[in-house]
Amino acid sequence: MTTSKLAAPVKMASGTDVTQAVTKVIWTAQPGTKIVAGSTEFQEFVVNAAPLPSNVDEVVPVVQTHEDGKVVNWNSS
């Protein structure tokens, strides 16, 4: 995970100001567990994130980078 300083603090319901947030999550296959190129295998990853600001509907971008450098954009919008 990568955290970054927010441009402006976010006030939580508890009154606490949040000044940093997780801005990137990276999963990397362990040696010997990669999905073979061209296969129909897939892996689902779960991220629990809360609370999100009330004006946020989705978290993007979602990008997959293959071993050979090919990049696949999985954004739904």
N, C-alpha and C. Protein backbone atom coordinates (compact mmCIF):
# COMPACT_ATOMS: atom_id res chain seq x y z
N MET A 1 0.83 -1.17 0.00
CA MET A 1 0.00 0.00 0.00
C MET A 1 0.88 1.24 0.00
N THR A 2 0.39 2.24 -0.66
CA THR A 2 1.04 3.54 -0.65
C THR A 2 0.08 4.54 -0.04
N THR A 3 0.57 5.34 0.89
CA THR A 3 -0.25 6.41 1.44
C THR A 3 0.29 7.74 0.95
N SER A 4 -0.63 8.70 0.84
CA SER A 4 -0.25 10.04 0.39
C SER A 4 -0.95 11.08 1.25
N LYS A 5 -0.33 12.23 1.35
CA LYS A 5 -0.93 13.34 2.08
C LYS A 5 -2.09 13.89 1.25
N LEU A 6 -3.22 14.14 1.91
CA LEU A 6 -4.38 14.72 1.23
C LEU A 6 -4.17 16.21 1.01
N ALA A 7 -4.75 16.73 -0.07
CA ALA A 7 -4.64 18.17 -0.36
C ALA A 7 -5.27 19.00 0.76
N ALA A 8 -6.36 18.49 1.31
CA ALA A 8 -7.02 19.15 2.43
C ALA A 8 -7.49 18.07 3.40
N PRO A 9 -7.43 18.30 4.69
CA PRO A 9 -7.88 17.30 5.65
C PRO A 9 -9.35 16.97 5.46
N VAL A 10 -9.70 15.71 5.77
CA VAL A 10 -11.09 15.26 5.73
C VAL A 10 -11.55 15.08 7.17
N LYS A 11 -12.68 15.71 7.52
CA LYS A 11 -13.21 15.64 8.88
C LYS A 11 -14.05 14.38 9.02
N MET A 12 -13.70 13.53 9.97
CA MET A 12 -14.45 12.32 10.25
C MET A 12 -15.63 12.66 11.16
N ALA A 13 -16.61 11.76 11.21
CA ALA A 13 -17.78 11.96 12.07
C ALA A 13 -17.37 12.14 13.53
N SER A 14 -16.27 11.53 13.92
CA SER A 14 -15.78 11.62 15.30
C SER A 14 -15.14 12.97 15.59
N GLY A 15 -14.94 13.79 14.52
CA GLY A 15 -14.29 15.07 14.68
C GLY A 15 -12.81 15.04 14.37
N THR A 16 -12.27 13.86 14.15
CA THR A 16 -10.85 13.71 13.82
C THR A 16 -10.58 14.14 12.40
N ASP A 17 -9.48 14.85 12.19
CA ASP A 17 -9.05 15.21 10.84
C ASP A 17 -8.14 14.12 10.28
N VAL A 18 -8.43 13.65 9.08
CA VAL A 18 -7.59 12.67 8.39
C VAL A 18 -6.75 13.45 7.39
N THR A 19 -5.43 13.29 7.46
CA THR A 19 -4.53 14.05 6.60
C THR A 19 -3.81 13.18 5.58
N GLN A 20 -3.90 11.84 5.74
CA GLN A 20 -3.28 10.90 4.80
C GLN A 20 -4.29 9.82 4.45
N ALA A 21 -4.13 9.26 3.25
CA ALA A 21 -5.02 8.18 2.83
C ALA A 21 -4.24 7.19 1.96
N VAL A 22 -4.75 5.97 1.90
CA VAL A 22 -4.17 4.98 1.00
C VAL A 22 -4.53 5.40 -0.42
N THR A 23 -3.53 5.55 -1.27
CA THR A 23 -3.76 5.99 -2.65
C THR A 23 -3.41 4.93 -3.68
N LYS A 24 -2.78 3.84 -3.24
CA LYS A 24 -2.42 2.79 -4.19
C LYS A 24 -2.29 1.47 -3.44
N VAL A 25 -2.84 0.41 -4.05
CA VAL A 25 -2.69 -0.94 -3.52
C VAL A 25 -2.17 -1.80 -4.66
N ILE A 26 -1.10 -2.53 -4.42
CA ILE A 26 -0.50 -3.37 -5.46
C ILE A 26 -0.44 -4.81 -4.96
N TRP A 27 -0.90 -5.74 -5.80
CA TRP A 27 -0.74 -7.16 -5.54
C TRP A 27 0.27 -7.69 -6.54
N THR A 28 1.17 -8.54 -6.08
CA THR A 28 2.17 -9.15 -6.94
C THR A 28 2.13 -10.66 -6.72
N ALA A 29 2.09 -11.41 -7.82
CA ALA A 29 2.06 -12.87 -7.72
C ALA A 29 3.33 -13.38 -7.05
N GLN A 30 3.17 -14.38 -6.22
CA GLN A 30 4.32 -15.04 -5.60
C GLN A 30 4.99 -15.93 -6.65
N PRO A 31 6.28 -16.17 -6.54
CA PRO A 31 6.96 -17.03 -7.51
C PRO A 31 6.23 -18.37 -7.65
N GLY A 32 6.03 -18.78 -8.90
CA GLY A 32 5.39 -20.06 -9.18
C GLY A 32 3.87 -20.03 -9.16
N THR A 33 3.27 -18.85 -8.93
CA THR A 33 1.80 -18.79 -8.85
C THR A 33 1.17 -17.90 -9.91
N LYS A 34 1.96 -17.41 -10.85
CA LYS A 34 1.40 -16.50 -11.85
C LYS A 34 0.40 -17.21 -12.75
N ILE A 35 -0.51 -16.43 -13.32
CA ILE A 35 -1.49 -16.95 -14.26
C ILE A 35 -0.83 -16.97 -15.64
N VAL A 36 -0.94 -18.07 -16.32
CA VAL A 36 -0.29 -18.25 -17.62
C VAL A 36 -0.95 -17.34 -18.65
N ALA A 37 -0.14 -16.63 -19.42
CA ALA A 37 -0.65 -15.74 -20.46
C ALA A 37 -1.56 -16.50 -21.41
N GLY A 38 -2.70 -15.88 -21.75
CA GLY A 38 -3.65 -16.49 -22.67
C GLY A 38 -4.63 -17.44 -22.01
N SER A 39 -4.46 -17.71 -20.72
CA SER A 39 -5.39 -18.62 -20.04
C SER A 39 -6.66 -17.86 -19.66
N THR A 40 -7.66 -18.60 -19.23
CA THR A 40 -8.92 -17.98 -18.80
C THR A 40 -8.99 -17.89 -17.28
N GLU A 41 -7.88 -18.16 -16.59
CA GLU A 41 -7.84 -18.06 -15.14
C GLU A 41 -7.94 -16.59 -14.72
N PHE A 42 -8.44 -16.38 -13.51
CA PHE A 42 -8.46 -15.04 -12.95
C PHE A 42 -8.41 -15.15 -11.44
N GLN A 43 -8.15 -14.04 -10.80
CA GLN A 43 -8.13 -13.98 -9.35
C GLN A 43 -8.88 -12.74 -8.91
N GLU A 44 -9.73 -12.88 -7.92
CA GLU A 44 -10.44 -11.73 -7.36
C GLU A 44 -9.71 -11.27 -6.11
N PHE A 45 -9.66 -9.96 -5.93
CA PHE A 45 -9.01 -9.37 -4.78
C PHE A 45 -10.03 -8.50 -4.06
N VAL A 46 -10.07 -8.59 -2.77
CA VAL A 46 -11.01 -7.82 -1.97
C VAL A 46 -10.26 -6.70 -1.25
N VAL A 47 -10.85 -5.52 -1.30
CA VAL A 47 -10.31 -4.38 -0.57
C VAL A 47 -11.45 -3.84 0.30
N ASN A 48 -11.24 -3.80 1.58
CA ASN A 48 -12.22 -3.17 2.49
C ASN A 48 -11.74 -1.76 2.75
N ALA A 49 -12.56 -0.79 2.39
CA ALA A 49 -12.19 0.60 2.56
C ALA A 49 -13.37 1.36 3.17
N ALA A 50 -13.13 1.93 4.31
CA ALA A 50 -14.20 2.70 4.93
C ALA A 50 -13.59 3.59 6.00
N PRO A 51 -14.19 4.65 6.29
CA PRO A 51 -15.29 5.23 5.52
C PRO A 51 -14.74 6.00 4.32
N LEU A 52 -15.52 6.04 3.27
CA LEU A 52 -15.19 6.86 2.10
C LEU A 52 -15.96 8.18 2.23
N PRO A 53 -15.46 9.24 1.63
CA PRO A 53 -16.21 10.50 1.65
C PRO A 53 -17.61 10.31 1.07
N SER A 54 -18.57 11.05 1.55
CA SER A 54 -19.97 10.88 1.12
C SER A 54 -20.18 11.18 -0.36
N ASN A 55 -19.27 11.91 -0.99
CA ASN A 55 -19.43 12.25 -2.41
C ASN A 55 -18.66 11.30 -3.33
N VAL A 56 -18.26 10.11 -2.82
CA VAL A 56 -17.50 9.15 -3.62
C VAL A 56 -18.37 7.95 -3.95
N ASP A 57 -18.50 7.64 -5.26
CA ASP A 57 -19.28 6.49 -5.72
C ASP A 57 -18.41 5.30 -6.05
N GLU A 58 -17.17 5.56 -6.46
CA GLU A 58 -16.30 4.49 -6.90
C GLU A 58 -14.85 4.86 -6.66
N VAL A 59 -14.01 3.85 -6.70
CA VAL A 59 -12.58 4.04 -6.55
C VAL A 59 -11.92 3.58 -7.84
N VAL A 60 -11.22 4.48 -8.53
CA VAL A 60 -10.57 4.16 -9.79
C VAL A 60 -9.21 4.82 -9.80
N PRO A 61 -8.30 4.51 -10.63
CA PRO A 61 -8.39 3.51 -11.68
C PRO A 61 -7.99 2.12 -11.17
N VAL A 62 -8.39 1.13 -11.92
CA VAL A 62 -7.97 -0.24 -11.67
C VAL A 62 -7.20 -0.68 -12.90
N VAL A 63 -5.93 -0.98 -12.72
CA VAL A 63 -5.05 -1.28 -13.84
C VAL A 63 -4.29 -2.57 -13.54
N GLN A 64 -4.20 -3.41 -14.54
CA GLN A 64 -3.43 -4.65 -14.41
C GLN A 64 -2.22 -4.55 -15.33
N THR A 65 -1.04 -4.79 -14.77
CA THR A 65 0.18 -4.77 -15.57
C THR A 65 0.72 -6.19 -15.63
N HIS A 66 0.86 -6.70 -16.86
CA HIS A 66 1.35 -8.06 -17.07
C HIS A 66 2.88 -8.10 -17.00
N GLU A 67 3.38 -9.29 -16.83
CA GLU A 67 4.83 -9.52 -16.73
C GLU A 67 5.58 -8.94 -17.92
N ASP A 68 4.95 -8.98 -19.12
CA ASP A 68 5.61 -8.48 -20.33
C ASP A 68 5.45 -6.97 -20.53
N GLY A 69 4.81 -6.29 -19.55
CA GLY A 69 4.62 -4.85 -19.63
C GLY A 69 3.28 -4.42 -20.18
N LYS A 70 2.49 -5.36 -20.72
CA LYS A 70 1.16 -5.03 -21.24
C LYS A 70 0.29 -4.52 -20.09
N VAL A 71 -0.45 -3.43 -20.32
CA VAL A 71 -1.30 -2.84 -19.31
C VAL A 71 -2.77 -2.97 -19.73
N VAL A 72 -3.61 -3.46 -18.80
CA VAL A 72 -5.03 -3.61 -19.06
C VAL A 72 -5.77 -2.72 -18.09
N ASN A 73 -6.65 -1.86 -18.62
CA ASN A 73 -7.45 -0.94 -17.81
C ASN A 73 -8.77 -1.61 -17.49
N TRP A 74 -9.07 -1.84 -16.22
CA TRP A 74 -10.29 -2.53 -15.81
C TRP A 74 -11.36 -1.55 -15.30
N ASN A 75 -11.21 -0.27 -15.55
CA ASN A 75 -12.20 0.69 -15.08
C ASN A 75 -13.54 0.44 -15.73
N SER A 76 -14.58 0.53 -14.92
CA SER A 76 -15.93 0.26 -15.42
C SER A 76 -16.53 1.46 -16.11
N SER A 77 -15.99 2.64 -15.88
CA SER A 77 -16.57 3.83 -16.49
C SER A 77 -15.88 4.22 -17.77
